[in-house]
Every structure is written in structure tokens, then in C-alpha cells.
Protein backbone atom coordinates (compact mmCIF):
# COMPACT_ATOMS: atom_id res chain seq x y z
CA MET A 1 23.44 -46.41 -20.29
CA LYS A 2 26.19 -46.81 -22.86
CA SER A 3 27.76 -43.55 -21.72
CA HIS A 4 28.05 -44.67 -18.11
CA ARG A 5 31.12 -46.34 -16.69
CA ARG A 6 30.94 -49.77 -15.12
CA ASN A 7 31.55 -48.35 -11.66
CA GLU A 8 28.56 -46.06 -12.14
CA ILE A 9 26.38 -49.03 -13.02
CA ALA A 10 27.64 -50.88 -9.95
CA VAL A 11 26.82 -47.95 -7.66
CA ALA A 12 23.45 -47.44 -9.36
CA THR A 13 22.58 -51.11 -8.93
CA ALA A 14 23.42 -50.99 -5.23
CA LEU A 15 21.35 -47.84 -4.71
CA ALA A 16 18.46 -49.32 -6.71
CA GLY A 17 18.66 -52.27 -4.32
CA LEU A 18 18.34 -49.84 -1.41
CA ALA A 19 15.32 -48.24 -3.08
CA GLY A 20 13.73 -51.66 -3.52
CA PHE A 21 14.37 -52.49 0.13
CA VAL A 22 12.84 -49.21 1.32
CA ASP A 23 9.87 -49.59 -1.02
CA ALA A 24 9.13 -53.10 0.23
CA VAL A 25 9.34 -52.03 3.87
CA GLY A 26 7.20 -48.95 3.19
CA PHE A 27 4.68 -50.98 1.20
CA MET A 28 4.21 -53.47 4.02
CA LYS A 29 4.18 -50.75 6.68
CA ALA A 30 1.63 -48.63 4.79
CA GLY A 31 -0.59 -51.56 3.92
CA GLY A 32 -0.24 -51.54 0.16
CA TYR A 33 1.10 -48.09 -0.73
CA PHE A 34 4.44 -47.40 -2.32
CA VAL A 35 7.17 -45.06 -1.12
CA ALA A 36 9.34 -45.27 -4.24
CA PHE A 37 7.01 -46.33 -7.08
CA MET A 38 4.85 -43.27 -7.77
CA SER A 39 3.09 -44.66 -10.85
CA GLY A 40 1.51 -47.23 -8.58
CA ASN A 41 0.44 -44.56 -6.09
CA THR A 42 -1.07 -42.49 -8.89
CA THR A 43 -3.24 -45.46 -9.86
CA LEU A 44 -4.18 -46.07 -6.22
CA ALA A 45 -5.09 -42.40 -5.79
CA GLY A 46 -7.28 -42.46 -8.88
CA VAL A 47 -9.07 -45.64 -7.84
CA GLY A 48 -9.54 -44.34 -4.29
CA LEU A 49 -11.04 -41.09 -5.58
CA ALA A 50 -13.32 -42.89 -8.01
CA GLN A 51 -14.60 -45.22 -5.30
CA GLY A 52 -15.06 -42.48 -2.72
CA ARG A 53 -12.32 -43.80 -0.45
CA PHE A 54 -10.94 -40.38 0.31
CA HIS A 55 -8.57 -41.53 3.04
CA ASP A 56 -6.88 -43.88 0.57
CA PHE A 57 -6.82 -41.14 -2.05
CA GLY A 58 -5.24 -38.72 0.41
CA LEU A 59 -2.53 -41.16 1.48
CA ALA A 60 -1.58 -42.09 -2.08
CA ALA A 61 -1.67 -38.50 -3.31
CA GLY A 62 0.29 -37.35 -0.26
CA LEU A 63 3.04 -39.86 -1.02
CA VAL A 64 3.28 -38.58 -4.58
CA ILE A 65 3.54 -35.00 -3.32
CA THR A 66 6.21 -35.77 -0.72
CA PHE A 67 8.18 -37.78 -3.28
CA VAL A 68 8.17 -34.81 -5.65
CA LEU A 69 9.22 -32.53 -2.80
CA GLY A 70 12.11 -34.91 -2.18
CA VAL A 71 13.12 -34.74 -5.84
CA ILE A 72 13.05 -30.94 -5.67
CA ALA A 73 15.14 -30.91 -2.49
CA GLY A 74 17.65 -33.40 -3.89
CA SER A 75 17.96 -31.50 -7.15
CA LEU A 76 18.50 -28.19 -5.35
CA LEU A 77 21.04 -29.80 -3.05
CA GLY A 78 22.88 -31.24 -6.05
CA ARG A 79 22.90 -27.85 -7.75
CA GLY A 80 24.17 -26.26 -4.55
CA VAL A 81 27.24 -28.50 -4.32
CA ARG A 82 27.91 -28.69 -8.06
CA GLY A 83 29.79 -25.41 -8.06
CA SER A 84 31.84 -26.32 -5.00
CA GLY A 85 34.61 -28.01 -6.96
CA LEU A 86 34.02 -31.34 -5.24
CA PRO A 87 34.61 -34.50 -7.28
CA GLN A 88 31.46 -36.06 -8.69
CA CYS A 89 31.52 -38.95 -6.22
CA ARG A 90 31.62 -36.53 -3.27
CA ARG A 91 28.71 -34.54 -4.67
CA MET A 92 26.84 -37.85 -4.87
CA SER A 93 27.89 -38.51 -1.27
CA VAL A 94 26.24 -35.28 -0.11
CA VAL A 95 22.94 -36.33 -1.69
CA MET A 96 23.15 -39.80 -0.16
CA THR A 97 23.85 -38.26 3.23
CA ALA A 98 20.59 -36.33 2.91
CA VAL A 99 18.85 -39.62 2.08
CA ALA A 100 20.37 -41.20 5.20
CA VAL A 101 19.19 -38.28 7.37
CA LEU A 102 15.60 -38.58 6.11
CA LEU A 103 15.62 -42.33 6.66
CA LEU A 104 16.98 -41.74 10.16
CA VAL A 105 14.16 -39.30 10.91
CA ALA A 106 11.64 -41.87 9.61
CA ALA A 107 13.14 -44.56 11.85
CA LEU A 108 13.05 -42.26 14.88
CA VAL A 109 9.51 -41.10 14.19
CA GLU A 110 8.38 -44.71 13.83
CA GLN A 111 9.42 -45.30 17.43
CA SER A 112 6.77 -42.87 18.67
CA ALA A 113 4.21 -42.90 15.86
CA THR A 114 3.04 -46.25 14.57
CA THR A 115 0.83 -44.77 11.87
CA ALA A 116 2.11 -45.05 8.30
CA VAL A 117 0.60 -41.62 7.60
CA VAL A 118 3.63 -40.16 9.36
CA VAL A 119 6.42 -42.57 8.43
CA ALA A 120 5.61 -43.35 4.78
CA PRO A 121 5.83 -39.73 3.53
CA LEU A 122 9.31 -39.43 5.06
CA LEU A 123 10.37 -42.57 3.24
CA ALA A 124 8.87 -41.25 0.00
CA MET A 125 10.75 -37.98 0.39
CA ALA A 126 14.01 -39.88 0.97
CA MET A 127 13.45 -41.86 -2.23
CA GLY A 128 12.76 -38.65 -4.11
CA VAL A 129 16.08 -37.22 -2.91
CA GLU A 130 17.90 -40.42 -3.93
CA ASN A 131 16.95 -39.86 -7.56
CA ALA A 132 19.20 -36.80 -7.61
CA VAL A 133 22.32 -38.93 -7.10
CA PHE A 134 22.76 -39.41 -10.84
CA GLU A 135 21.54 -36.00 -11.91
CA ARG A 136 23.62 -34.12 -14.48
CA ASP A 137 22.80 -30.78 -16.05
CA GLY A 138 19.38 -30.86 -14.44
CA LYS A 139 18.50 -34.30 -15.82
CA VAL A 140 18.41 -37.69 -14.11
CA THR A 141 20.67 -39.98 -16.14
CA ILE A 142 19.89 -43.14 -14.14
CA GLY A 143 16.56 -43.54 -12.37
CA LEU A 144 16.98 -45.46 -9.14
CA THR A 145 13.45 -45.91 -7.82
CA TYR A 146 11.41 -46.63 -10.95
CA MET A 147 12.01 -49.34 -13.52
CA THR A 148 9.30 -49.01 -16.18
CA GLY A 149 11.58 -47.01 -18.46
CA THR A 150 14.45 -49.36 -17.73
CA LEU A 151 12.35 -52.38 -18.68
CA VAL A 152 11.23 -50.67 -21.90
CA LYS A 153 14.87 -50.03 -22.79
CA LEU A 154 15.74 -53.60 -21.84
CA GLY A 155 13.11 -54.90 -24.24
CA GLN A 156 14.28 -52.57 -26.99
CA SER A 157 17.88 -53.61 -26.43
CA ILE A 158 16.98 -57.30 -26.60
CA ALA A 159 15.03 -56.62 -29.80
CA ALA A 160 18.11 -54.92 -31.25
CA LEU A 161 20.21 -57.91 -30.22
CA MET A 162 17.79 -60.30 -31.90
CA ALA A 163 17.88 -58.16 -35.03
CA ARG A 164 21.68 -58.45 -34.95
CA GLU A 165 22.13 -54.72 -34.67
CA PRO A 166 25.22 -53.24 -32.98
CA ALA A 167 25.78 -54.38 -29.41
CA SER A 168 23.25 -52.95 -26.99
CA PRO A 169 23.58 -52.41 -23.23
CA TRP A 170 20.83 -54.89 -22.36
CA ARG A 171 22.92 -56.42 -19.58
CA ARG A 172 23.13 -53.05 -17.84
CA TYR A 173 19.36 -52.55 -17.88
CA LEU A 174 18.85 -56.09 -16.62
CA THR A 175 21.42 -55.57 -13.85
CA LEU A 176 19.76 -52.35 -12.69
CA TRP A 177 16.32 -53.96 -12.62
CA GLY A 178 17.79 -56.98 -10.87
CA GLY A 179 19.25 -54.74 -8.17
CA LEU A 180 15.89 -53.20 -7.34
CA SER A 181 14.15 -56.59 -7.50
CA ALA A 182 16.66 -58.16 -5.13
CA GLY A 183 16.24 -55.23 -2.77
CA THR A 184 12.48 -55.71 -2.62
CA VAL A 185 12.82 -59.40 -1.77
CA ILE A 186 15.39 -58.72 0.94
CA GLY A 187 13.32 -55.84 2.30
CA ALA A 188 10.14 -57.91 2.45
CA VAL A 189 11.89 -60.82 4.18
CA THR A 190 13.57 -58.47 6.64
CA TYR A 191 10.31 -56.69 7.48
CA ALA A 192 8.56 -60.02 7.98
CA THR A 193 11.36 -61.01 10.36
CA VAL A 194 12.08 -57.88 12.40
CA GLY A 195 9.24 -55.50 11.50
CA THR A 196 9.95 -51.78 11.24
CA ALA A 197 13.36 -52.29 12.82
CA ALA A 198 14.28 -52.90 9.17
CA LEU A 199 14.27 -49.10 8.81
CA TRP A 200 17.51 -48.97 10.78
CA LEU A 201 19.15 -51.16 8.16
CA THR A 202 18.16 -48.66 5.47
CA VAL A 203 19.75 -45.88 7.52
CA ALA A 204 22.96 -47.87 7.84
CA ALA A 205 22.99 -48.73 4.14
CA ALA A 206 22.44 -45.13 3.00
CA ALA A 207 25.02 -43.79 5.44
CA THR A 208 27.53 -46.43 4.32
CA ALA A 209 26.95 -45.53 0.67
CA GLY A 210 27.42 -41.86 1.43
CA ALA A 211 30.64 -42.52 3.37
CA ALA A 212 32.02 -44.84 0.70
CA LEU A 213 31.42 -42.27 -2.04
CA TRP A 214 33.05 -39.55 0.04
CA LEU A 215 36.11 -41.66 0.87
CA THR A 216 36.81 -42.62 -2.75
CA PRO A 217 37.27 -39.25 -4.46
CA THR A 218 39.44 -40.79 -7.15
CA LEU A 219 36.56 -42.99 -8.35
CA GLN A 220 35.81 -41.73 -11.84
CA PHE A 221 32.23 -40.96 -12.80
CA GLU A 222 32.82 -38.33 -15.45
């Protein structure tokens, strides 16, 4: 995180908030399954298989698979535009536009199919694509939908601070985790208030992020 500019951290925090919002909405829609947190779904799949609840196993495993497919699609899309000569922020905009399109499809599908078996995988795929926003040289430099690694680094950074070692970026890790956490709270409250209409807010947020990144080509990320 030390190598990232402050504007990168700000964008990452906002997008982590979006991921938290989507995950909360998906979790409540799917009745306890995640659309962004795949470690949780892996545990749910394992428990479902062990207990013979094959429907639960299939849903959890299916979400993991569609998330990975989203990561693959986002990574390939990022590679495709990397050689175009576009500024980094506009390459990020292309990826976020793909996220917005998938969220839009999920919102439209939800209008005609109330089952989470249809909607949740689309949300999981969108969250997989989002992780390609901060991909460089084939590696994700900032994870947006999972925070276990971030919390480990936060703890290590605080330990370094307590040991009076050189300044660590603990505030950045805390900010990123805080962004996702805030997004989950807002998403849960919104879903409880307006139901799956909350999906339209995720579409608007992703589209706004994509447009903002495209319209600020002078924003430095490299």
C-alpha cells in the first residue's frame, strides 16, 4: 500500500464500499450466501456437502465459480485495453463499466426472476470483474472485495508501529477495511428499506465510478 498514491486509496476505498454494499444486498437476497466474500462461500459449500445439503452446496460452489469467471473476464478485459495507450484511469473505467453492465443485467433479471439462484451469480461475477480494477502486470495490487489479507496487514502494521519501527501504512489498511464495512451497513439498511430495488443503486454507483474515471484522464495512478 505504500507504493499507492492517496488518490488510488480514495478510489479503492469507494469501490470497496460498493463491494460491501453489493455483498450485503446479495447476502440478504440469497439468504445467507455471499456474492463478494468467496472464503465464506467455500466454508458454506464444505459444510453443505458434509451435511448432505446438496442444494446449499451447489449454490455456494456456483457463486465461487461465477466469481472466478468474473475475475478471468475482468483480467482479460484489462489486458485487452492495456495496450491501447489509454491512461490508467480510463483503463480502470472500462473495467468498471463492465461491472456496471453486469449489475444492470442482475437488476433487470431480478424483475422477472425472484430466485437468488439467478441473480446472485450475476452479482458474484460483477464482483469478480471489479477486482481487476487495480490489476497491474497480471497481479491485483489492491483487493476490493476481500479483507482478510488487508486485516492481516493492518495488524502487522500496528505491531510495527508499537515496536517503533519505520512508519507503516496502517491508516490505509484501516481506511480500505472501513470502506467495505461502511458499504455493508449501508447496503443492509437499504435492502431492508427498499428490497432488491437497492440493486439499481449499485448500477448507478458503478456507472458513476466508471464515468468519473473516464472523465479525469489527468488523474495520476502510475
